[in-house]
Amino acid sequence: LTEVNLSHNGLGALGAAAACCRLPDGMRSLNLRDNGLGSEGAQALLGEEAGGGPPSHLSPHLSPHVSPHLSPCAGPSVLGRLVGLECLNIAFNALGAEGATAAAAGLGRLTRLRTLVLE
């Protein structure tokens, strides 16, 4: 499995994080368009604390802004382990400034990413 389209499913932050946690490492294309991720979803999927440790959503004591229940898998971020990802569509998810900042910080780990859709 190298491509997954989960667009228009209303997954929300928790559903998207849970679904993406189960994706195989060899993923090349992921479409999460229009799933109501919001800033919390962007942080859960791509975020990482500035200190290089795990994102705050892995510990309820680190950040009051992100639910501690949003990371069903451990690691630097849910999508950070998908280093072969070449195409990511997170358009129409109302990421907001906080979510966009988290996404921008987390995208650095996706070194093969060639296409990013943020409409």
C-alpha atoms as a PDB file:
ATOM      1  CA  LEU A   1       0.000   0.000   0.000  1.00  0.00           C
ATOM      2  CA  THR A   2       1.592   3.270  -1.116  1.00  0.00           C
ATOM      3  CA  GLU A   3      -1.373   5.640  -1.616  1.00  0.00           C
ATOM      4  CA  VAL A   4      -4.306   6.365   0.680  1.00  0.00           C
ATOM      5  CA  ASN A   5      -7.193   8.746   0.043  1.00  0.00           C
ATOM      6  CA  LEU A   6      -9.143   9.567   3.202  1.00  0.00           C
ATOM      7  CA  SER A   7     -10.603  12.820   1.887  1.00  0.00           C
ATOM      8  CA  HIS A   8     -14.119  14.009   2.799  1.00  0.00           C
ATOM      9  CA  ASN A   9     -14.586  11.522   5.642  1.00  0.00           C
ATOM     10  CA  GLY A  10     -15.070  13.923   8.551  1.00  0.00           C
ATOM     11  CA  LEU A  11     -12.340  12.168  10.514  1.00  0.00           C
ATOM     12  CA  GLY A  12     -11.481  15.150  12.673  1.00  0.00           C
ATOM     13  CA  ALA A  13      -8.193  15.416  14.527  1.00  0.00           C
ATOM     14  CA  LEU A  14      -8.542  12.224  16.539  1.00  0.00           C
ATOM     15  CA  GLY A  15      -9.785  10.067  13.643  1.00  0.00           C
ATOM     16  CA  ALA A  16      -7.080  11.262  11.272  1.00  0.00           C
ATOM     17  CA  ALA A  17      -4.356  10.662  13.867  1.00  0.00           C
ATOM     18  CA  ALA A  18      -5.695   7.175  14.587  1.00  0.00           C
ATOM     19  CA  ALA A  19      -5.952   6.279  10.891  1.00  0.00           C
ATOM     20  CA  CYS A  20      -2.515   7.668  10.016  1.00  0.00           C
ATOM     21  CA  CYS A  21      -0.882   5.886  12.920  1.00  0.00           C
ATOM     22  CA  ARG A  22      -1.741   2.587  11.252  1.00  0.00           C
ATOM     23  CA  LEU A  23      -0.307   3.453   7.820  1.00  0.00           C
ATOM     24  CA  PRO A  24       2.636   1.413   6.553  1.00  0.00           C
ATOM     25  CA  ASP A  25       6.074   3.046   6.473  1.00  0.00           C
ATOM     26  CA  GLY A  26       6.245   2.878   2.671  1.00  0.00           C
ATOM     27  CA  MET A  27       3.447   5.410   2.087  1.00  0.00           C
ATOM     28  CA  ARG A  28       4.104   7.778  -0.821  1.00  0.00           C
ATOM     29  CA  SER A  29       0.799   9.667  -1.113  1.00  0.00           C
ATOM     30  CA  LEU A  30      -1.715  10.648   1.574  1.00  0.00           C
ATOM     31  CA  ASN A  31      -4.884  12.667   1.011  1.00  0.00           C
ATOM     32  CA  LEU A  32      -6.549  14.058   4.149  1.00  0.00           C
ATOM     33  CA  ARG A  33      -8.450  16.822   2.346  1.00  0.00           C
ATOM     34  CA  ASP A  34     -11.579  18.180   4.048  1.00  0.00           C
ATOM     35  CA  ASN A  35     -11.575  16.180   7.270  1.00  0.00           C
ATOM     36  CA  GLY A  36     -11.996  18.940   9.844  1.00  0.00           C
ATOM     37  CA  LEU A  37      -8.473  18.569  11.227  1.00  0.00           C
ATOM     38  CA  GLY A  38      -8.201  22.102  12.554  1.00  0.00           C
ATOM     39  CA  SER A  39      -5.061  23.349  14.272  1.00  0.00           C
ATOM     40  CA  GLU A  40      -5.209  20.527  16.809  1.00  0.00           C
ATOM     41  CA  GLY A  41      -5.134  17.925  14.033  1.00  0.00           C
ATOM     42  CA  ALA A  42      -2.185  19.593  12.316  1.00  0.00           C
ATOM     43  CA  GLN A  43      -0.296  19.579  15.607  1.00  0.00           C
ATOM     44  CA  ALA A  44      -1.142  15.944  16.246  1.00  0.00           C
ATOM     45  CA  LEU A  45      -0.141  14.836  12.738  1.00  0.00           C
ATOM     46  CA  LEU A  46       2.911  16.996  12.097  1.00  0.00           C
ATOM     47  CA  GLY A  47       3.793  18.950  15.210  1.00  0.00           C
ATOM     48  CA  GLU A  48       6.935  18.695  17.257  1.00  0.00           C
ATOM     49  CA  GLU A  49       8.116  20.737  20.192  1.00  0.00           C
ATOM     50  CA  ALA A  50      10.912  23.218  19.502  1.00  0.00           C
ATOM     51  CA  GLY A  51      13.301  21.267  21.700  1.00  0.00           C
ATOM     52  CA  GLY A  52      13.254  18.284  19.373  1.00  0.00           C
ATOM     53  CA  GLY A  53      11.351  16.023  21.738  1.00  0.00           C
ATOM     54  CA  PRO A  54       7.956  14.480  21.208  1.00  0.00           C
ATOM     55  CA  PRO A  55       5.026  16.790  20.435  1.00  0.00           C
ATOM     56  CA  SER A  56       3.054  18.144  23.360  1.00  0.00           C
ATOM     57  CA  HIS A  57       0.015  16.027  22.521  1.00  0.00           C
ATOM     58  CA  LEU A  58       1.917  12.980  23.778  1.00  0.00           C
ATOM     59  CA  SER A  59       1.955  14.414  27.285  1.00  0.00           C
ATOM     60  CA  PRO A  60      -1.039  16.224  28.764  1.00  0.00           C
ATOM     61  CA  HIS A  61       1.294  18.215  30.997  1.00  0.00           C
ATOM     62  CA  LEU A  62       3.234  19.982  28.230  1.00  0.00           C
ATOM     63  CA  SER A  63       0.569  22.010  26.437  1.00  0.00           C
ATOM     64  CA  PRO A  64      -2.929  23.151  27.347  1.00  0.00           C
ATOM     65  CA  HIS A  65      -3.717  23.701  23.656  1.00  0.00           C
ATOM     66  CA  VAL A  66      -3.655  20.113  22.423  1.00  0.00           C
ATOM     67  CA  SER A  67      -5.701  17.218  23.695  1.00  0.00           C
ATOM     68  CA  PRO A  68      -3.603  14.452  25.288  1.00  0.00           C
ATOM     69  CA  HIS A  69      -5.776  11.898  23.516  1.00  0.00           C
ATOM     70  CA  LEU A  70      -4.769  12.844  19.977  1.00  0.00           C
ATOM     71  CA  SER A  71      -1.785  10.589  19.554  1.00  0.00           C
ATOM     72  CA  PRO A  72      -2.685   6.923  19.383  1.00  0.00           C
ATOM     73  CA  CYS A  73       0.905   6.067  18.491  1.00  0.00           C
ATOM     74  CA  ALA A  74       4.237   7.153  19.887  1.00  0.00           C
ATOM     75  CA  GLY A  75       7.004   8.961  18.033  1.00  0.00           C
ATOM     76  CA  PRO A  76       8.060  12.463  17.040  1.00  0.00           C
ATOM     77  CA  SER A  77       4.758  12.928  15.171  1.00  0.00           C
ATOM     78  CA  VAL A  78       2.196  10.694  13.551  1.00  0.00           C
ATOM     79  CA  LEU A  79       3.349  11.522  10.023  1.00  0.00           C
ATOM     80  CA  GLY A  80       7.014  12.093  10.926  1.00  0.00           C
ATOM     81  CA  ARG A  81       7.710   8.375  10.630  1.00  0.00           C
ATOM     82  CA  LEU A  82       6.470   8.348   6.992  1.00  0.00           C
ATOM     83  CA  VAL A  83       9.794   9.603   5.654  1.00  0.00           C
ATOM     84  CA  GLY A  84       9.062   8.359   2.127  1.00  0.00           C
ATOM     85  CA  LEU A  85       5.902  10.466   1.779  1.00  0.00           C
ATOM     86  CA  GLU A  86       6.051  12.383  -1.527  1.00  0.00           C
ATOM     87  CA  CYS A  87       2.557  13.904  -1.681  1.00  0.00           C
ATOM     88  CA  LEU A  88       0.445  15.245   1.201  1.00  0.00           C
ATOM     89  CA  ASN A  89      -2.947  16.902   0.787  1.00  0.00           C
ATOM     90  CA  ILE A  90      -4.269  18.628   3.910  1.00  0.00           C
ATOM     91  CA  ALA A  91      -6.375  21.243   2.112  1.00  0.00           C
ATOM     92  CA  PHE A  92      -9.706  22.523   3.441  1.00  0.00           C
ATOM     93  CA  ASN A  93      -9.026  21.569   7.053  1.00  0.00           C
ATOM     94  CA  ALA A  94      -9.131  25.019   8.703  1.00  0.00           C
ATOM     95  CA  LEU A  95      -5.629  24.636  10.122  1.00  0.00           C
ATOM     96  CA  GLY A  96      -5.373  28.254  11.230  1.00  0.00           C
ATOM     97  CA  ALA A  97      -2.123  30.015  12.091  1.00  0.00           C
ATOM     98  CA  GLU A  98      -1.225  27.649  14.943  1.00  0.00           C
ATOM     99  CA  GLY A  99      -1.845  24.557  12.814  1.00  0.00           C
ATOM    100  CA  ALA A 100       0.049  25.974   9.854  1.00  0.00           C
ATOM    101  CA  THR A 101       3.008  26.722  12.122  1.00  0.00           C
ATOM    102  CA  ALA A 102       2.965  23.166  13.473  1.00  0.00           C
ATOM    103  CA  ALA A 103       2.699  21.775   9.950  1.00  0.00           C
ATOM    104  CA  ALA A 104       5.595  23.905   8.704  1.00  0.00           C
ATOM    105  CA  ALA A 105       7.809  22.764  11.572  1.00  0.00           C
ATOM    106  CA  GLY A 106       6.926  19.113  11.056  1.00  0.00           C
ATOM    107  CA  LEU A 107       7.329  19.053   7.294  1.00  0.00           C
ATOM    108  CA  GLY A 108      11.120  19.215   7.647  1.00  0.00           C
ATOM    109  CA  ARG A 109      11.146  15.540   8.599  1.00  0.00           C
ATOM    110  CA  LEU A 110       9.402  14.591   5.359  1.00  0.00           C
ATOM    111  CA  THR A 111      12.506  14.927   3.193  1.00  0.00           C
ATOM    112  CA  ARG A 112      10.995  13.263   0.111  1.00  0.00           C
ATOM    113  CA  LEU A 113       7.877  15.425   0.084  1.00  0.00           C
ATOM    114  CA  ARG A 114       7.457  16.968  -3.378  1.00  0.00           C
ATOM    115  CA  THR A 115       3.789  18.001  -3.348  1.00  0.00           C
ATOM    116  CA  LEU A 116       1.949  19.719  -0.521  1.00  0.00           C
ATOM    117  CA  VAL A 117      -1.648  20.878  -0.996  1.00  0.00           C
ATOM    118  CA  LEU A 118      -2.867  23.455   1.537  1.00  0.00           C
ATOM    119  CA  GLU A 119      -5.703  25.300  -0.247  1.00  0.00           C
END
